[in-house]
Structure formats: structure tokens, C-alpha cells
Amino acid sequence: MDRTEHGGVRVRRGGAADAPAILAMLDGAVAWMAARGNTGQWGASPWTADPARVRRIVDQTRRDEVWIAELDGRTAGAMTTGTGPAHAEIPAAGEPEVYVTLLVTDRAAAGRGVGSALLELSVDLARRRGLGLVRVDCYAGNGGRLVDYYRRNGFAPVAPFTVDGWPGQLLARRPA
């Protein structure tokens, strides 16, 4: 599967060439959150100001599956999926899974269903592969707003975790 559509959002298979667009969306997300006083998730500095973070995204686009959402012919979001969590603090699933390793949307596309379309694709991927589990982890601070977002998209909290003082939440969804 190289292209699909979910809720009016076109999604295509991406790759390492999409790293600059993903980094730009991450920079936009950091700026938007920092302007609202939410620096706990990713700090206040642009993602691209940290060479280690840039390397992480470049490596992710080479290692994981990359999915790029488009609206009106423009990149509107990205998701990467792998076979398990990146943090040792997150327990193994004990079964094969699709693991959402990154989800980001362009702030210009906020509220247009881009993230939800990408999450639905993760569930479709699991179904097509005969897998019964999709997991994702996220920032649990800021009143749990991001956790609530994943709940609205059908994911259920599994376990909290902490990485170097950063509060996280593991969530899971079983494809119907």
C-alpha cells in the first residue's frame, strides 16, 4: 500500500526524503506549544536547533515506516510506525504490534482530522497484517490533553511511565 485516503485526508508512503518536512512540522509544533506555555513536552527550542533530535528523525525515517498526510496537495502531517517502543521504560507488548513512533501535524492543518486519519491508518495496517494490537506513547503532562486526544481516537491508557522526569502514557487499541 503506497497511497490511501482516510476521512478526506490523502496519505502516501514516505521515506527519508520527508525528514525536512517532518522537522519543519516539529518546529512548528514546538513554537505553538511554547507560545501557550507548554514547554514540558518538547521544550521551547526548535527541534532543528538540536543535532541529536535531527539525527533521531532522520534515523527514524530510514528505520521505521513513514506515512505522510496531505491536504489540498500540501504536506499536513506525518506518522512513523515500527515494531515496538523506543524507550526501555515501556514494557514489551508480548505480541506482534504496530507501534506509532511519531505523530505530528502541521499547525496550519489543525482541526482538520489529519492526526485522526493517520491513527486510523495505523489500525488499518495492523488489520492488514493480521495483528491485533496498535500502541502509542505520548506526553502525559499538561493536564493529560494529549492522552485525551488519543482516547478520543479509540486508544485506551495502558500504563504510565517516566523517562528522565518526563511523564508519559502508553496507550493501546485493538483493531475490531
Protein backbone atom coordinates (compact mmCIF):
# COMPACT_ATOMS: atom_id res chain seq x y z
CA MET A 1 0.00 0.00 0.00
CA ASP A 2 1.57 3.25 -1.14
CA ARG A 3 -1.46 5.57 -1.04
CA THR A 4 -4.76 5.63 0.77
CA GLU A 5 -7.42 8.07 1.87
CA HIS A 6 -8.90 8.43 5.34
CA GLY A 7 -11.64 10.95 6.03
CA GLY A 8 -10.70 13.13 3.05
CA VAL A 9 -7.01 13.14 4.00
CA ARG A 10 -4.73 11.59 1.40
CA VAL A 11 -1.94 9.52 2.89
CA ARG A 12 1.11 8.35 0.99
CA ARG A 13 4.08 6.23 1.89
CA GLY A 14 7.05 8.42 2.75
CA GLY A 15 10.70 7.98 3.49
CA ALA A 16 13.96 9.68 4.35
CA ALA A 17 13.32 12.43 1.79
CA ASP A 18 10.43 13.58 4.01
CA ALA A 19 12.65 14.25 7.05
CA PRO A 20 12.91 18.03 6.33
CA ALA A 21 9.10 18.36 6.17
CA ILE A 22 8.70 16.35 9.38
CA LEU A 23 11.30 18.50 11.13
CA ALA A 24 9.52 21.67 9.97
CA MET A 25 6.25 20.37 11.43
CA LEU A 26 8.00 19.53 14.70
CA ASP A 27 9.49 23.05 14.81
CA GLY A 28 6.01 24.48 14.25
CA ALA A 29 4.52 22.30 16.98
CA VAL A 30 7.22 23.34 19.47
CA ALA A 31 6.68 27.04 18.68
CA TRP A 32 2.90 26.69 19.02
CA MET A 33 3.13 24.82 22.34
CA ALA A 34 5.78 27.17 23.76
CA ALA A 35 3.63 30.19 22.88
CA ARG A 36 0.94 28.64 25.09
CA GLY A 37 3.32 27.95 27.96
CA ASN A 38 3.52 24.22 27.29
CA THR A 39 7.26 23.53 27.24
CA GLY A 40 7.14 20.26 29.17
CA GLN A 41 6.64 18.05 26.14
CA TRP A 42 9.43 19.17 23.79
CA GLY A 43 10.88 22.31 25.37
CA ALA A 44 10.92 25.77 23.79
CA SER A 45 13.79 25.48 21.30
CA PRO A 46 13.15 24.48 17.69
CA TRP A 47 13.59 20.78 17.06
CA THR A 48 16.13 21.60 14.34
CA ALA A 49 18.32 23.51 16.83
CA ASP A 50 19.36 20.19 18.41
CA PRO A 51 21.55 17.95 16.19
CA ALA A 52 20.63 14.87 18.25
CA ARG A 53 16.92 15.45 17.62
CA VAL A 54 17.56 15.99 13.90
CA ARG A 55 19.53 12.72 13.77
CA ARG A 56 16.71 10.95 15.61
CA ILE A 57 14.17 11.98 12.96
CA VAL A 58 16.49 11.21 10.05
CA ASP A 59 17.21 7.78 11.55
CA GLN A 60 13.51 7.21 12.18
CA THR A 61 12.63 7.97 8.55
CA ARG A 62 15.21 5.39 7.47
CA ARG A 63 14.28 2.70 10.02
CA ASP A 64 10.52 3.00 10.50
CA GLU A 65 7.65 3.14 8.04
CA VAL A 66 6.84 6.75 7.17
CA TRP A 67 3.34 7.92 6.27
CA ILE A 68 2.70 11.45 5.00
CA ALA A 69 -0.76 13.03 5.14
CA GLU A 70 -1.67 15.59 2.50
CA LEU A 71 -4.47 18.12 2.31
CA ASP A 72 -5.02 20.19 -0.80
CA GLY A 73 -1.73 18.85 -2.21
CA ARG A 74 0.33 20.05 0.78
CA THR A 75 2.03 18.04 3.50
CA ALA A 76 -0.24 18.24 6.53
CA GLY A 77 1.05 15.55 8.87
CA ALA A 78 3.33 12.60 9.36
CA MET A 79 3.33 9.33 11.21
CA THR A 80 6.08 6.76 11.62
CA THR A 81 5.37 3.20 12.69
CA GLY A 82 7.66 0.49 13.93
CA THR A 83 7.52 -2.82 15.71
CA GLY A 84 7.92 -1.62 19.30
CA PRO A 85 8.66 1.23 21.69
CA ALA A 86 11.87 3.23 21.65
CA HIS A 87 12.11 3.57 25.43
CA ALA A 88 13.27 0.79 27.75
CA GLU A 89 10.77 2.13 30.32
CA ILE A 90 7.87 0.96 28.16
CA PRO A 91 7.02 -2.73 28.57
CA ALA A 92 7.11 -5.02 25.56
CA ALA A 93 3.73 -5.95 24.18
CA GLY A 94 4.25 -9.71 24.30
CA GLU A 95 2.74 -9.99 20.82
CA PRO A 96 3.42 -8.54 17.37
CA GLU A 97 2.15 -4.99 17.03
CA VAL A 98 2.13 -1.77 15.07
CA TYR A 99 3.75 0.89 17.22
CA VAL A 100 3.22 4.55 16.37
CA THR A 101 6.67 6.02 16.93
CA LEU A 102 5.84 9.58 15.83
CA LEU A 103 2.71 11.55 15.04
CA VAL A 104 2.84 15.23 14.12
CA THR A 105 0.57 17.57 12.18
CA ASP A 106 1.21 20.89 10.54
CA ARG A 107 -0.33 23.63 12.68
CA ALA A 108 -1.99 25.03 9.53
CA ALA A 109 -3.97 21.78 9.30
CA ALA A 110 -5.03 21.67 12.96
CA GLY A 111 -8.61 20.56 13.48
CA ARG A 112 -8.95 19.02 10.02
CA GLY A 113 -8.68 15.37 11.07
CA VAL A 114 -5.10 14.78 9.91
CA GLY A 115 -3.89 13.08 13.10
CA SER A 116 -7.05 11.01 13.34
CA ALA A 117 -6.65 9.86 9.72
CA LEU A 118 -3.07 8.79 10.39
CA LEU A 119 -4.09 6.92 13.55
CA GLU A 120 -6.84 5.13 11.62
CA LEU A 121 -4.21 4.12 9.09
CA SER A 122 -2.15 2.56 11.91
CA VAL A 123 -5.17 0.45 12.82
CA ASP A 124 -5.70 -0.48 9.15
CA LEU A 125 -2.05 -1.51 8.90
CA ALA A 126 -2.45 -3.81 11.89
CA ARG A 127 -5.61 -5.37 10.41
CA ARG A 128 -3.97 -5.95 7.01
CA ARG A 129 -1.00 -7.61 8.69
CA GLY A 130 -3.18 -9.80 10.88
CA LEU A 131 -2.00 -8.05 14.04
CA GLY A 132 -4.29 -7.45 16.99
CA LEU A 133 -2.55 -4.52 18.61
CA VAL A 134 -1.60 -0.90 17.95
CA ARG A 135 0.25 1.03 20.63
CA VAL A 136 1.46 4.59 21.03
CA ASP A 137 3.09 6.55 23.79
CA CYS A 138 2.72 10.24 24.48
CA TYR A 139 3.38 13.11 26.84
CA ALA A 140 1.12 12.82 29.88
CA GLY A 141 1.70 16.31 31.31
CA ASN A 142 -0.27 19.48 30.54
CA GLY A 143 -3.39 18.13 32.20
CA GLY A 144 -3.37 14.95 30.09
CA ARG A 145 -4.60 16.75 26.96
CA LEU A 146 -2.63 14.56 24.59
CA VAL A 147 -3.74 11.41 26.41
CA ASP A 148 -7.34 12.60 25.96
CA TYR A 149 -6.70 13.13 22.24
CA TYR A 150 -5.63 9.51 21.85
CA ARG A 151 -8.63 8.36 23.91
CA ARG A 152 -10.94 10.23 21.53
CA ASN A 153 -9.26 8.26 18.74
CA GLY A 154 -10.07 4.89 20.30
CA PHE A 155 -6.91 4.27 22.31
CA ALA A 156 -7.07 3.20 25.96
CA PRO A 157 -4.43 4.03 28.58
CA VAL A 158 -2.30 1.02 29.48
CA ALA A 159 0.46 2.27 31.78
CA PRO A 160 2.14 5.50 32.82
CA PHE A 161 5.93 5.75 32.57
CA THR A 162 8.67 8.29 33.18
CA VAL A 163 11.82 8.93 31.15
CA ASP A 164 14.31 11.27 32.85
CA GLY A 165 11.48 13.09 34.66
CA TRP A 166 9.32 13.33 31.51
CA PRO A 167 5.83 11.93 32.25
CA GLY A 168 4.50 9.60 29.61
CA GLN A 169 1.49 7.41 28.98
CA LEU A 170 1.35 4.18 26.99
CA LEU A 171 -1.94 3.63 25.14
CA ALA A 172 -3.26 0.75 23.05
CA ARG A 173 -6.03 -0.01 20.60
CA ARG A 174 -7.18 -3.36 19.36
CA PRO A 175 -8.40 -3.37 15.75
CA ALA A 176 -12.01 -4.56 15.53
